Amino acid sequence: MYADKITESMQITIDITEKRRQKQEAYNKQHGVVPKTIYRKIAPSLAPVELDEMIEVAEEVPIYETVTNLEEKINELEQEMREAAEILKFERAADLRDRINELRGQLGKG
């Protein structure tokens, strides 16, 4: 905790924490428990994003020449979004959904 002055409620919390710590240390000593850090792999959701995905997300939404070209691109992105969701790449699917919405805005169907 950070503060210029320790308030009464802060002191109560500090005291409770210290009592719990002492109780845990006594239990550990009595039962021969040695606390140690747990090491785990980073969850897949925290893994780095693939470079091609970052580049694609960073691209500006192009202006399409014809309504047909725009509709084709929307259909293509919708299919890609469904595929991403099927393989549990939800962040990728959400990015694609956002791009689809931008394109629909150009189409006037947003």
PDB file of N, CA and C in Angstrom:
ATOM      1  N   MET A   1       0.844  -1.185   0.000  1.00  0.00           N
ATOM      2  CA  MET A   1       0.000   0.000   0.000  1.00  0.00           C
ATOM      3  C   MET A   1       0.883   1.238   0.000  1.00  0.00           C
ATOM      4  N   TYR A   2       0.424   2.251  -0.686  1.00  0.00           N
ATOM      5  CA  TYR A   2       1.159   3.504  -0.764  1.00  0.00           C
ATOM      6  C   TYR A   2       0.283   4.626  -0.225  1.00  0.00           C
ATOM      7  N   ALA A   3       0.830   5.366   0.717  1.00  0.00           N
ATOM      8  CA  ALA A   3       0.099   6.508   1.267  1.00  0.00           C
ATOM      9  C   ALA A   3       1.063   7.349   2.082  1.00  0.00           C
ATOM     10  N   ASP A   4       0.715   8.619   2.233  1.00  0.00           N
ATOM     11  CA  ASP A   4       1.519   9.497   3.078  1.00  0.00           C
ATOM     12  C   ASP A   4       1.279   9.191   4.544  1.00  0.00           C
ATOM     13  N   LYS A   5       0.092   8.747   4.856  1.00  0.00           N
ATOM     14  CA  LYS A   5      -0.290   8.476   6.241  1.00  0.00           C
ATOM     15  C   LYS A   5      -1.043   7.152   6.283  1.00  0.00           C
ATOM     16  N   ILE A   6      -0.760   6.334   7.281  1.00  0.00           N
ATOM     17  CA  ILE A   6      -1.476   5.074   7.444  1.00  0.00           C
ATOM     18  C   ILE A   6      -2.757   5.359   8.217  1.00  0.00           C
ATOM     19  N   THR A   7      -3.885   5.097   7.564  1.00  0.00           N
ATOM     20  CA  THR A   7      -5.178   5.325   8.206  1.00  0.00           C
ATOM     21  C   THR A   7      -5.508   4.155   9.124  1.00  0.00           C
ATOM     22  N   GLU A   8      -6.554   4.327   9.916  1.00  0.00           N
ATOM     23  CA  GLU A   8      -6.963   3.277  10.847  1.00  0.00           C
ATOM     24  C   GLU A   8      -7.353   2.007  10.091  1.00  0.00           C
ATOM     25  N   SER A   9      -8.107   2.152   9.014  1.00  0.00           N
ATOM     26  CA  SER A   9      -8.524   0.975   8.243  1.00  0.00           C
ATOM     27  C   SER A   9      -7.324   0.287   7.588  1.00  0.00           C
ATOM     28  N   MET A  10      -6.343   1.079   7.152  1.00  0.00           N
ATOM     29  CA  MET A  10      -5.129   0.490   6.585  1.00  0.00           C
ATOM     30  C   MET A  10      -4.381  -0.299   7.653  1.00  0.00           C
ATOM     31  N   GLN A  11      -4.278   0.242   8.839  1.00  0.00           N
ATOM     32  CA  GLN A  11      -3.561  -0.426   9.927  1.00  0.00           C
ATOM     33  C   GLN A  11      -4.253  -1.734  10.300  1.00  0.00           C
ATOM     34  N   ILE A  12      -5.584  -1.711  10.333  1.00  0.00           N
ATOM     35  CA  ILE A  12      -6.332  -2.934  10.637  1.00  0.00           C
ATOM     36  C   ILE A  12      -6.019  -4.008   9.594  1.00  0.00           C
ATOM     37  N   THR A  13      -6.015  -3.627   8.332  1.00  0.00           N
ATOM     38  CA  THR A  13      -5.716  -4.565   7.249  1.00  0.00           C
ATOM     39  C   THR A  13      -4.291  -5.095   7.359  1.00  0.00           C
ATOM     40  N   ILE A  14      -3.360  -4.222   7.655  1.00  0.00           N
ATOM     41  CA  ILE A  14      -1.956  -4.631   7.822  1.00  0.00           C
ATOM     42  C   ILE A  14      -1.828  -5.619   8.967  1.00  0.00           C
ATOM     43  N   ASP A  15      -2.502  -5.341  10.094  1.00  0.00           N
ATOM     44  CA  ASP A  15      -2.443  -6.231  11.259  1.00  0.00           C
ATOM     45  C   ASP A  15      -3.040  -7.605  10.944  1.00  0.00           C
ATOM     46  N   ILE A  16      -4.182  -7.615  10.259  1.00  0.00           N
ATOM     47  CA  ILE A  16      -4.815  -8.886   9.894  1.00  0.00           C
ATOM     48  C   ILE A  16      -3.895  -9.690   8.982  1.00  0.00           C
ATOM     49  N   THR A  17      -3.293  -9.027   8.015  1.00  0.00           N
ATOM     50  CA  THR A  17      -2.382  -9.698   7.087  1.00  0.00           C
ATOM     51  C   THR A  17      -1.187 -10.282   7.832  1.00  0.00           C
ATOM     52  N   GLU A  18      -0.644  -9.537   8.760  1.00  0.00           N
ATOM     53  CA  GLU A  18       0.511 -10.010   9.531  1.00  0.00           C
ATOM     54  C   GLU A  18       0.139 -11.225  10.384  1.00  0.00           C
ATOM     55  N   LYS A  19      -1.043 -11.207  11.005  1.00  0.00           N
ATOM     56  CA  LYS A  19      -1.492 -12.356  11.806  1.00  0.00           C
ATOM     57  C   LYS A  19      -1.652 -13.593  10.921  1.00  0.00           C
ATOM     58  N   ARG A  20      -2.226 -13.399   9.756  1.00  0.00           N
ATOM     59  CA  ARG A  20      -2.393 -14.528   8.834  1.00  0.00           C
ATOM     60  C   ARG A  20      -1.044 -15.070   8.380  1.00  0.00           C
ATOM     61  N   ARG A  21      -0.111 -14.172   8.112  1.00  0.00           N
ATOM     62  CA  ARG A  21       1.227 -14.587   7.687  1.00  0.00           C
ATOM     63  C   ARG A  21       1.903 -15.411   8.791  1.00  0.00           C
ATOM     64  N   GLN A  22       1.799 -14.940  10.044  1.00  0.00           N
ATOM     65  CA  GLN A  22       2.403 -15.665  11.166  1.00  0.00           C
ATOM     66  C   GLN A  22       1.765 -17.045  11.326  1.00  0.00           C
ATOM     67  N   LYS A  23       0.438 -17.104  11.199  1.00  0.00           N
ATOM     68  CA  LYS A  23      -0.273 -18.372  11.323  1.00  0.00           C
ATOM     69  C   LYS A  23       0.173 -19.342  10.224  1.00  0.00           C
ATOM     70  N   GLN A  24       0.321 -18.844   8.985  1.00  0.00           N
ATOM     71  CA  GLN A  24       0.753 -19.686   7.868  1.00  0.00           C
ATOM     72  C   GLN A  24       2.183 -20.174   8.074  1.00  0.00           C
ATOM     73  N   GLU A  25       3.063 -19.284   8.533  1.00  0.00           N
ATOM     74  CA  GLU A  25       4.455 -19.674   8.776  1.00  0.00           C
ATOM     75  C   GLU A  25       4.547 -20.732   9.871  1.00  0.00           C
ATOM     76  N   ALA A  26       3.730 -20.611  10.926  1.00  0.00           N
ATOM     77  CA  ALA A  26       3.724 -21.610  12.001  1.00  0.00           C
ATOM     78  C   ALA A  26       3.249 -22.963  11.462  1.00  0.00           C
ATOM     79  N   TYR A  27       2.204 -22.953  10.661  1.00  0.00           N
ATOM     80  CA  TYR A  27       1.694 -24.184  10.062  1.00  0.00           C
ATOM     81  C   TYR A  27       2.766 -24.824   9.182  1.00  0.00           C
ATOM     82  N   ASN A  28       3.402 -24.002   8.338  1.00  0.00           N
ATOM     83  CA  ASN A  28       4.441 -24.515   7.450  1.00  0.00           C
ATOM     84  C   ASN A  28       5.576 -25.157   8.238  1.00  0.00           C
ATOM     85  N   LYS A  29       5.997 -24.503   9.317  1.00  0.00           N
ATOM     86  CA  LYS A  29       7.099 -25.018  10.134  1.00  0.00           C
ATOM     87  C   LYS A  29       6.694 -26.330  10.800  1.00  0.00           C
ATOM     88  N   GLN A  30       5.478 -26.386  11.336  1.00  0.00           N
ATOM     89  CA  GLN A  30       4.993 -27.578  12.029  1.00  0.00           C
ATOM     90  C   GLN A  30       4.872 -28.774  11.083  1.00  0.00           C
ATOM     91  N   HIS A  31       4.496 -28.529   9.834  1.00  0.00           N
ATOM     92  CA  HIS A  31       4.261 -29.610   8.883  1.00  0.00           C
ATOM     93  C   HIS A  31       5.384 -29.780   7.855  1.00  0.00           C
ATOM     94  N   GLY A  32       6.472 -29.045   8.028  1.00  0.00           N
ATOM     95  CA  GLY A  32       7.615 -29.186   7.133  1.00  0.00           C
ATOM     96  C   GLY A  32       7.359 -28.702   5.714  1.00  0.00           C
ATOM     97  N   VAL A  33       6.495 -27.727   5.570  1.00  0.00           N
ATOM     98  CA  VAL A  33       6.175 -27.187   4.249  1.00  0.00           C
ATOM     99  C   VAL A  33       7.147 -26.068   3.917  1.00  0.00           C
ATOM    100  N   VAL A  34       7.763 -26.161   2.745  1.00  0.00           N
ATOM    101  CA  VAL A  34       8.662 -25.109   2.284  1.00  0.00           C
ATOM    102  C   VAL A  34       7.999 -24.437   1.077  1.00  0.00           C
ATOM    103  N   PRO A  35       7.559 -23.191   1.230  1.00  0.00           N
ATOM    104  CA  PRO A  35       6.915 -22.512   0.096  1.00  0.00           C
ATOM    105  C   PRO A  35       7.884 -22.365  -1.071  1.00  0.00           C
ATOM    106  N   LYS A  36       7.367 -22.559  -2.274  1.00  0.00           N
ATOM    107  CA  LYS A  36       8.201 -22.371  -3.453  1.00  0.00           C
ATOM    108  C   LYS A  36       7.358 -21.786  -4.578  1.00  0.00           C
ATOM    109  N   THR A  37       8.013 -21.127  -5.490  1.00  0.00           N
ATOM    110  CA  THR A  37       7.348 -20.495  -6.617  1.00  0.00           C
ATOM    111  C   THR A  37       6.875 -21.545  -7.603  1.00  0.00           C
ATOM    112  N   ILE A  38       5.696 -21.336  -8.143  1.00  0.00           N
ATOM    113  CA  ILE A  38       5.148 -22.233  -9.159  1.00  0.00           C
ATOM    114  C   ILE A  38       5.527 -21.683 -10.526  1.00  0.00           C
ATOM    115  N   TYR A  39       6.072 -22.537 -11.379  1.00  0.00           N
ATOM    116  CA  TYR A  39       6.435 -22.137 -12.732  1.00  0.00           C
ATOM    117  C   TYR A  39       5.487 -22.807 -13.709  1.00  0.00           C
ATOM    118  N   ARG A  40       4.873 -22.011 -14.577  1.00  0.00           N
ATOM    119  CA  ARG A  40       3.958 -22.541 -15.581  1.00  0.00           C
ATOM    120  C   ARG A  40       4.263 -21.907 -16.927  1.00  0.00           C
ATOM    121  N   LYS A  41       3.818 -22.595 -17.972  1.00  0.00           N
ATOM    122  CA  LYS A  41       3.927 -22.009 -19.303  1.00  0.00           C
ATOM    123  C   LYS A  41       2.918 -20.876 -19.417  1.00  0.00           C
ATOM    124  N   ILE A  42       3.210 -19.936 -20.280  1.00  0.00           N
ATOM    125  CA  ILE A  42       2.287 -18.840 -20.531  1.00  0.00           C
ATOM    126  C   ILE A  42       1.084 -19.389 -21.282  1.00  0.00           C
ATOM    127  N   ALA A  43      -0.093 -18.980 -20.866  1.00  0.00           N
ATOM    128  CA  ALA A  43      -1.327 -19.441 -21.503  1.00  0.00           C
ATOM    129  C   ALA A  43      -1.332 -19.054 -22.979  1.00  0.00           C
ATOM    130  N   PRO A  44      -1.918 -19.885 -23.825  1.00  0.00           N
ATOM    131  CA  PRO A  44      -1.936 -19.586 -25.263  1.00  0.00           C
ATOM    132  C   PRO A  44      -2.527 -18.221 -25.592  1.00  0.00           C
ATOM    133  N   SER A  45      -3.487 -17.756 -24.803  1.00  0.00           N
ATOM    134  CA  SER A  45      -4.102 -16.462 -25.099  1.00  0.00           C
ATOM    135  C   SER A  45      -3.124 -15.313 -24.896  1.00  0.00           C
ATOM    136  N   LEU A  46      -2.042 -15.559 -24.162  1.00  0.00           N
ATOM    137  CA  LEU A  46      -1.042 -14.529 -23.939  1.00  0.00           C
ATOM    138  C   LEU A  46       0.152 -14.676 -24.876  1.00  0.00           C
ATOM    139  N   ALA A  47       0.093 -15.670 -25.740  1.00  0.00           N
ATOM    140  CA  ALA A  47       1.187 -15.895 -26.681  1.00  0.00           C
ATOM    141  C   ALA A  47       1.234 -14.752 -27.692  1.00  0.00           C
ATOM    142  N   PRO A  48       2.405 -14.489 -28.244  1.00  0.00           N
ATOM    143  CA  PRO A  48       2.516 -13.393 -29.208  1.00  0.00           C
ATOM    144  C   PRO A  48       1.640 -13.619 -30.436  1.00  0.00           C
ATOM    145  N   VAL A  49       1.155 -12.543 -30.979  1.00  0.00           N
ATOM    146  CA  VAL A  49       0.339 -12.592 -32.190  1.00  0.00           C
ATOM    147  C   VAL A  49       1.269 -12.795 -33.376  1.00  0.00           C
ATOM    148  N   GLU A  50       0.828 -13.584 -34.344  1.00  0.00           N
ATOM    149  CA  GLU A  50       1.645 -13.826 -35.527  1.00  0.00           C
ATOM    150  C   GLU A  50       1.802 -12.534 -36.321  1.00  0.00           C
ATOM    151  N   LEU A  51       2.975 -12.365 -36.922  1.00  0.00           N
ATOM    152  CA  LEU A  51       3.306 -11.135 -37.634  1.00  0.00           C
ATOM    153  C   LEU A  51       2.316 -10.819 -38.745  1.00  0.00           C
ATOM    154  N   ASP A  52       1.929 -11.823 -39.534  1.00  0.00           N
ATOM    155  CA  ASP A  52       1.004 -11.545 -40.636  1.00  0.00           C
ATOM    156  C   ASP A  52      -0.350 -11.062 -40.133  1.00  0.00           C
ATOM    157  N   GLU A  53      -0.758 -11.528 -38.944  1.00  0.00           N
ATOM    158  CA  GLU A  53      -2.012 -11.056 -38.360  1.00  0.00           C
ATOM    159  C   GLU A  53      -1.888  -9.602 -37.936  1.00  0.00           C
ATOM    160  N   MET A  54      -0.740  -9.220 -37.372  1.00  0.00           N
ATOM    161  CA  MET A  54      -0.545  -7.833 -36.949  1.00  0.00           C
ATOM    162  C   MET A  54      -0.547  -6.905 -38.151  1.00  0.00           C
ATOM    163  N   ILE A  55       0.112  -7.311 -39.215  1.00  0.00           N
ATOM    164  CA  ILE A  55       0.184  -6.473 -40.412  1.00  0.00           C
ATOM    165  C   ILE A  55      -1.206  -6.307 -41.012  1.00  0.00           C
ATOM    166  N   GLU A  56      -1.951  -7.405 -41.088  1.00  0.00           N
ATOM    167  CA  GLU A  56      -3.278  -7.350 -41.692  1.00  0.00           C
ATOM    168  C   GLU A  56      -4.210  -6.452 -40.888  1.00  0.00           C
ATOM    169  N   VAL A  57      -4.136  -6.517 -39.571  1.00  0.00           N
ATOM    170  CA  VAL A  57      -4.980  -5.678 -38.723  1.00  0.00           C
ATOM    171  C   VAL A  57      -4.590  -4.219 -38.867  1.00  0.00           C
ATOM    172  N   ALA A  58      -3.310  -3.954 -39.072  1.00  0.00           N
ATOM    173  CA  ALA A  58      -2.826  -2.580 -39.160  1.00  0.00           C
ATOM    174  C   ALA A  58      -3.147  -1.923 -40.500  1.00  0.00           C
ATOM    175  N   GLU A  59      -3.496  -2.713 -41.507  1.00  0.00           N
ATOM    176  CA  GLU A  59      -3.783  -2.156 -42.827  1.00  0.00           C
ATOM    177  C   GLU A  59      -5.042  -1.302 -42.790  1.00  0.00           C
ATOM    178  N   GLU A  60      -5.037  -0.254 -43.591  1.00  0.00           N
ATOM    179  CA  GLU A  60      -6.229   0.578 -43.708  1.00  0.00           C
ATOM    180  C   GLU A  60      -7.270  -0.150 -44.545  1.00  0.00           C
ATOM    181  N   VAL A  61      -8.525   0.205 -44.332  1.00  0.00           N
ATOM    182  CA  VAL A  61      -9.600  -0.388 -45.117  1.00  0.00           C
ATOM    183  C   VAL A  61      -9.592   0.258 -46.494  1.00  0.00           C
ATOM    184  N   PRO A  62      -9.406  -0.535 -47.545  1.00  0.00           N
ATOM    185  CA  PRO A  62      -9.354   0.052 -48.889  1.00  0.00           C
ATOM    186  C   PRO A  62     -10.741   0.500 -49.355  1.00  0.00           C
ATOM    187  N   ILE A  63     -10.739   1.418 -50.279  1.00  0.00           N
ATOM    188  CA  ILE A  63     -11.974   1.852 -50.917  1.00  0.00           C
ATOM    189  C   ILE A  63     -12.150   0.984 -52.161  1.00  0.00           C
ATOM    190  N   TYR A  64     -13.275   0.315 -52.285  1.00  0.00           N
ATOM    191  CA  TYR A  64     -13.493  -0.600 -53.399  1.00  0.00           C
ATOM    192  C   TYR A  64     -14.145   0.121 -54.570  1.00  0.00           C
ATOM    193  N   GLU A  65     -13.751  -0.305 -55.768  1.00  0.00           N
ATOM    194  CA  GLU A  65     -14.212   0.320 -57.008  1.00  0.00           C
ATOM    195  C   GLU A  65     -15.716   0.144 -57.207  1.00  0.00           C
ATOM    196  N   THR A  66     -16.201  -1.082 -56.994  1.00  0.00           N
ATOM    197  CA  THR A  66     -17.612  -1.355 -57.259  1.00  0.00           C
ATOM    198  C   THR A  66     -18.262  -1.996 -56.038  1.00  0.00           C
ATOM    199  N   VAL A  67     -19.573  -1.923 -56.007  1.00  0.00           N
ATOM    200  CA  VAL A  67     -20.337  -2.549 -54.927  1.00  0.00           C
ATOM    201  C   VAL A  67     -20.119  -4.058 -54.948  1.00  0.00           C
ATOM    202  N   THR A  68     -20.027  -4.633 -56.133  1.00  0.00           N
ATOM    203  CA  THR A  68     -19.815  -6.079 -56.260  1.00  0.00           C
ATOM    204  C   THR A  68     -18.489  -6.484 -55.626  1.00  0.00           C
ATOM    205  N   ASN A  69     -17.421  -5.723 -55.896  1.00  0.00           N
ATOM    206  CA  ASN A  69     -16.115  -6.024 -55.296  1.00  0.00           C
ATOM    207  C   ASN A  69     -16.190  -5.936 -53.778  1.00  0.00           C
ATOM    208  N   LEU A  70     -16.893  -4.940 -53.293  1.00  0.00           N
ATOM    209  CA  LEU A  70     -17.032  -4.741 -51.851  1.00  0.00           C
ATOM    210  C   LEU A  70     -17.807  -5.896 -51.226  1.00  0.00           C
ATOM    211  N   GLU A  71     -18.897  -6.303 -51.849  1.00  0.00           N
ATOM    212  CA  GLU A  71     -19.690  -7.425 -51.334  1.00  0.00           C
ATOM    213  C   GLU A  71     -18.889  -8.721 -51.348  1.00  0.00           C
ATOM    214  N   GLU A  72     -18.082  -8.929 -52.386  1.00  0.00           N
ATOM    215  CA  GLU A  72     -17.232 -10.122 -52.461  1.00  0.00           C
ATOM    216  C   GLU A  72     -16.226 -10.136 -51.313  1.00  0.00           C
ATOM    217  N   LYS A  73     -15.626  -8.982 -51.040  1.00  0.00           N
ATOM    218  CA  LYS A  73     -14.647  -8.897 -49.955  1.00  0.00           C
ATOM    219  C   LYS A  73     -15.315  -9.163 -48.608  1.00  0.00           C
ATOM    220  N   ILE A  74     -16.516  -8.631 -48.410  1.00  0.00           N
ATOM    221  CA  ILE A  74     -17.250  -8.869 -47.164  1.00  0.00           C
ATOM    222  C   ILE A  74     -17.524 -10.360 -46.999  1.00  0.00           C
ATOM    223  N   ASN A  75     -17.979 -11.018 -48.060  1.00  0.00           N
ATOM    224  CA  ASN A  75     -18.244 -12.466 -48.000  1.00  0.00           C
ATOM    225  C   ASN A  75     -16.975 -13.246 -47.684  1.00  0.00           C
ATOM    226  N   GLU A  76     -15.872 -12.853 -48.297  1.00  0.00           N
ATOM    227  CA  GLU A  76     -14.578 -13.512 -48.063  1.00  0.00           C
ATOM    228  C   GLU A  76     -14.161 -13.366 -46.596  1.00  0.00           C
ATOM    229  N   LEU A  77     -14.298 -12.156 -46.064  1.00  0.00           N
ATOM    230  CA  LEU A  77     -13.920 -11.913 -44.674  1.00  0.00           C
ATOM    231  C   LEU A  77     -14.852 -12.632 -43.700  1.00  0.00           C
ATOM    232  N   GLU A  78     -16.142 -12.728 -44.036  1.00  0.00           N
ATOM    233  CA  GLU A  78     -17.078 -13.458 -43.176  1.00  0.00           C
ATOM    234  C   GLU A  78     -16.691 -14.925 -43.082  1.00  0.00           C
ATOM    235  N   GLN A  79     -16.304 -15.516 -44.213  1.00  0.00           N
ATOM    236  CA  GLN A  79     -15.872 -16.913 -44.219  1.00  0.00           C
ATOM    237  C   GLN A  79     -14.604 -17.075 -43.377  1.00  0.00           C
ATOM    238  N   GLU A  80     -13.671 -16.157 -43.548  1.00  0.00           N
ATOM    239  CA  GLU A  80     -12.422 -16.204 -42.781  1.00  0.00           C
ATOM    240  C   GLU A  80     -12.711 -16.044 -41.288  1.00  0.00           C
ATOM    241  N   MET A  81     -13.681 -15.189 -40.939  1.00  0.00           N
ATOM    242  CA  MET A  81     -14.059 -14.976 -39.543  1.00  0.00           C
ATOM    243  C   MET A  81     -14.631 -16.262 -38.950  1.00  0.00           C
ATOM    244  N   ARG A  82     -15.507 -16.935 -39.691  1.00  0.00           N
ATOM    245  CA  ARG A  82     -16.083 -18.203 -39.209  1.00  0.00           C
ATOM    246  C   ARG A  82     -14.991 -19.250 -38.989  1.00  0.00           C
ATOM    247  N   GLU A  83     -14.051 -19.334 -39.926  1.00  0.00           N
ATOM    248  CA  GLU A  83     -12.954 -20.295 -39.797  1.00  0.00           C
ATOM    249  C   GLU A  83     -12.096 -19.985 -38.575  1.00  0.00           C
ATOM    250  N   ALA A  84     -11.825 -18.714 -38.338  1.00  0.00           N
ATOM    251  CA  ALA A  84     -11.029 -18.323 -37.172  1.00  0.00           C
ATOM    252  C   ALA A  84     -11.751 -18.711 -35.887  1.00  0.00           C
ATOM    253  N   ALA A  85     -13.058 -18.500 -35.837  1.00  0.00           N
ATOM    254  CA  ALA A  85     -13.837 -18.855 -34.646  1.00  0.00           C
ATOM    255  C   ALA A  85     -13.851 -20.363 -34.429  1.00  0.00           C
ATOM    256  N   GLU A  86     -13.933 -21.134 -35.511  1.00  0.00           N
ATOM    257  CA  GLU A  86     -13.946 -22.594 -35.397  1.00  0.00           C
ATOM    258  C   GLU A  86     -12.663 -23.132 -34.779  1.00  0.00           C
ATOM    259  N   ILE A  87     -11.535 -22.491 -35.070  1.00  0.00           N
ATOM    260  CA  ILE A  87     -10.260 -22.960 -34.505  1.00  0.00           C
ATOM    261  C   ILE A  87      -9.890 -22.171 -33.248  1.00  0.00           C
ATOM    262  N   LEU A  88     -10.906 -21.518 -32.667  1.00  0.00           N
ATOM    263  CA  LEU A  88     -10.794 -20.814 -31.385  1.00  0.00           C
ATOM    264  C   LEU A  88      -9.847 -19.619 -31.410  1.00  0.00           C
ATOM    265  N   LYS A  89      -9.693 -18.992 -32.550  1.00  0.00           N
ATOM    266  CA  LYS A  89      -8.905 -17.757 -32.653  1.00  0.00           C
ATOM    267  C   LYS A  89      -9.886 -16.589 -32.595  1.00  0.00           C
ATOM    268  N   PHE A  90     -10.422 -16.368 -31.382  1.00  0.00           N
ATOM    269  CA  PHE A  90     -11.502 -15.406 -31.211  1.00  0.00           C
ATOM    270  C   PHE A  90     -11.050 -13.965 -31.403  1.00  0.00           C
ATOM    271  N   GLU A  91      -9.819 -13.652 -31.019  1.00  0.00           N
ATOM    272  CA  GLU A  91      -9.326 -12.288 -31.225  1.00  0.00           C
ATOM    273  C   GLU A  91      -9.228 -11.990 -32.719  1.00  0.00           C
ATOM    274  N   ARG A  92      -8.747 -12.946 -33.470  1.00  0.00           N
ATOM    275  CA  ARG A  92      -8.655 -12.794 -34.927  1.00  0.00           C
ATOM    276  C   ARG A  92     -10.056 -12.628 -35.519  1.00  0.00           C
ATOM    277  N   ALA A  93     -10.992 -13.453 -35.049  1.00  0.00           N
ATOM    278  CA  ALA A  93     -12.372 -13.361 -35.536  1.00  0.00           C
ATOM    279  C   ALA A  93     -12.971 -11.995 -35.215  1.00  0.00           C
ATOM    280  N   ALA A  94     -12.674 -11.472 -34.041  1.00  0.00           N
ATOM    281  CA  ALA A  94     -13.190 -10.149 -33.664  1.00  0.00           C
ATOM    282  C   ALA A  94     -12.594  -9.061 -34.554  1.00  0.00           C
ATOM    283  N   ASP A  95     -11.306  -9.172 -34.867  1.00  0.00           N
ATOM    284  CA  ASP A  95     -10.675  -8.200 -35.773  1.00  0.00           C
ATOM    285  C   ASP A  95     -11.341  -8.239 -37.149  1.00  0.00           C
ATOM    286  N   LEU A  96     -11.598  -9.448 -37.623  1.00  0.00           N
ATOM    287  CA  LEU A  96     -12.259  -9.591 -38.924  1.00  0.00           C
ATOM    288  C   LEU A  96     -13.674  -9.020 -38.884  1.00  0.00           C
ATOM    289  N   ARG A  97     -14.376  -9.256 -37.786  1.00  0.00           N
ATOM    290  CA  ARG A  97     -15.727  -8.701 -37.637  1.00  0.00           C
ATOM    291  C   ARG A  97     -15.699  -7.182 -37.728  1.00  0.00           C
ATOM    292  N   ASP A  98     -14.693  -6.574 -37.076  1.00  0.00           N
ATOM    293  CA  ASP A  98     -14.564  -5.116 -37.117  1.00  0.00           C
ATOM    294  C   ASP A  98     -14.305  -4.627 -38.544  1.00  0.00           C
ATOM    295  N   ARG A  99     -13.459  -5.339 -39.273  1.00  0.00           N
ATOM    296  CA  ARG A  99     -13.183  -4.959 -40.668  1.00  0.00           C
ATOM    297  C   ARG A  99     -14.434  -5.102 -41.525  1.00  0.00           C
ATOM    298  N   ILE A 100     -15.198  -6.169 -41.279  1.00  0.00           N
ATOM    299  CA  ILE A 100     -16.455  -6.373 -42.014  1.00  0.00           C
ATOM    300  C   ILE A 100     -17.407  -5.212 -41.751  1.00  0.00           C
ATOM    301  N   ASN A 101     -17.502  -4.800 -40.496  1.00  0.00           N
ATOM    302  CA  ASN A 101     -18.386  -3.679 -40.155  1.00  0.00           C
ATOM    303  C   ASN A 101     -17.939  -2.384 -40.832  1.00  0.00           C
ATOM    304  N   GLU A 102     -16.624  -2.176 -40.933  1.00  0.00           N
ATOM    305  CA  GLU A 102     -16.119  -0.988 -41.628  1.00  0.00           C
ATOM    306  C   GLU A 102     -16.507  -1.025 -43.105  1.00  0.00           C
ATOM    307  N   LEU A 103     -16.370  -2.199 -43.705  1.00  0.00           N
ATOM    308  CA  LEU A 103     -16.725  -2.337 -45.120  1.00  0.00           C
ATOM    309  C   LEU A 103     -18.227  -2.169 -45.334  1.00  0.00           C
ATOM    310  N   ARG A 104     -19.013  -2.707 -44.416  1.00  0.00           N
ATOM    311  CA  ARG A 104     -20.469  -2.525 -44.525  1.00  0.00           C
ATOM    312  C   ARG A 104     -20.834  -1.047 -44.403  1.00  0.00           C
ATOM    313  N   GLY A 105     -20.050  -0.313 -43.616  1.00  0.00           N
ATOM    314  CA  GLY A 105     -20.263   1.131 -43.514  1.00  0.00           C
ATOM    315  C   GLY A 105     -20.055   1.804 -44.859  1.00  0.00           C
ATOM    316  N   GLN A 106     -19.042   1.355 -45.599  1.00  0.00           N
ATOM    317  CA  GLN A 106     -18.807   1.886 -46.953  1.00  0.00           C
ATOM    318  C   GLN A 106     -19.965   1.524 -47.875  1.00  0.00           C
ATOM    319  N   LEU A 107     -20.521   0.337 -47.648  1.00  0.00           N
ATOM    320  CA  LEU A 107     -21.606  -0.152 -48.490  1.00  0.00           C
ATOM    321  C   LEU A 107     -22.928   0.522 -48.132  1.00  0.00           C
ATOM    322  N   GLY A 108     -22.972   1.086 -46.929  1.00  0.00           N
ATOM    323  CA  GLY A 108     -24.199   1.729 -46.471  1.00  0.00           C
ATOM    324  C   GLY A 108     -25.133   0.774 -45.759  1.00  0.00           C
ATOM    325  N   LYS A 109     -24.586  -0.410 -45.359  1.00  0.00           N
ATOM    326  CA  LYS A 109     -25.393  -1.412 -44.644  1.00  0.00           C
ATOM    327  C   LYS A 109     -24.943  -1.541 -43.197  1.00  0.00           C
ATOM    328  N   GLY A 110     -24.206  -0.581 -42.664  1.00  0.00           N
ATOM    329  CA  GLY A 110     -23.642  -0.679 -41.331  1.00  0.00           C
ATOM    330  C   GLY A 110     -24.644  -0.473 -40.308  1.00  0.00           C
TER     331      GLY A 110
END
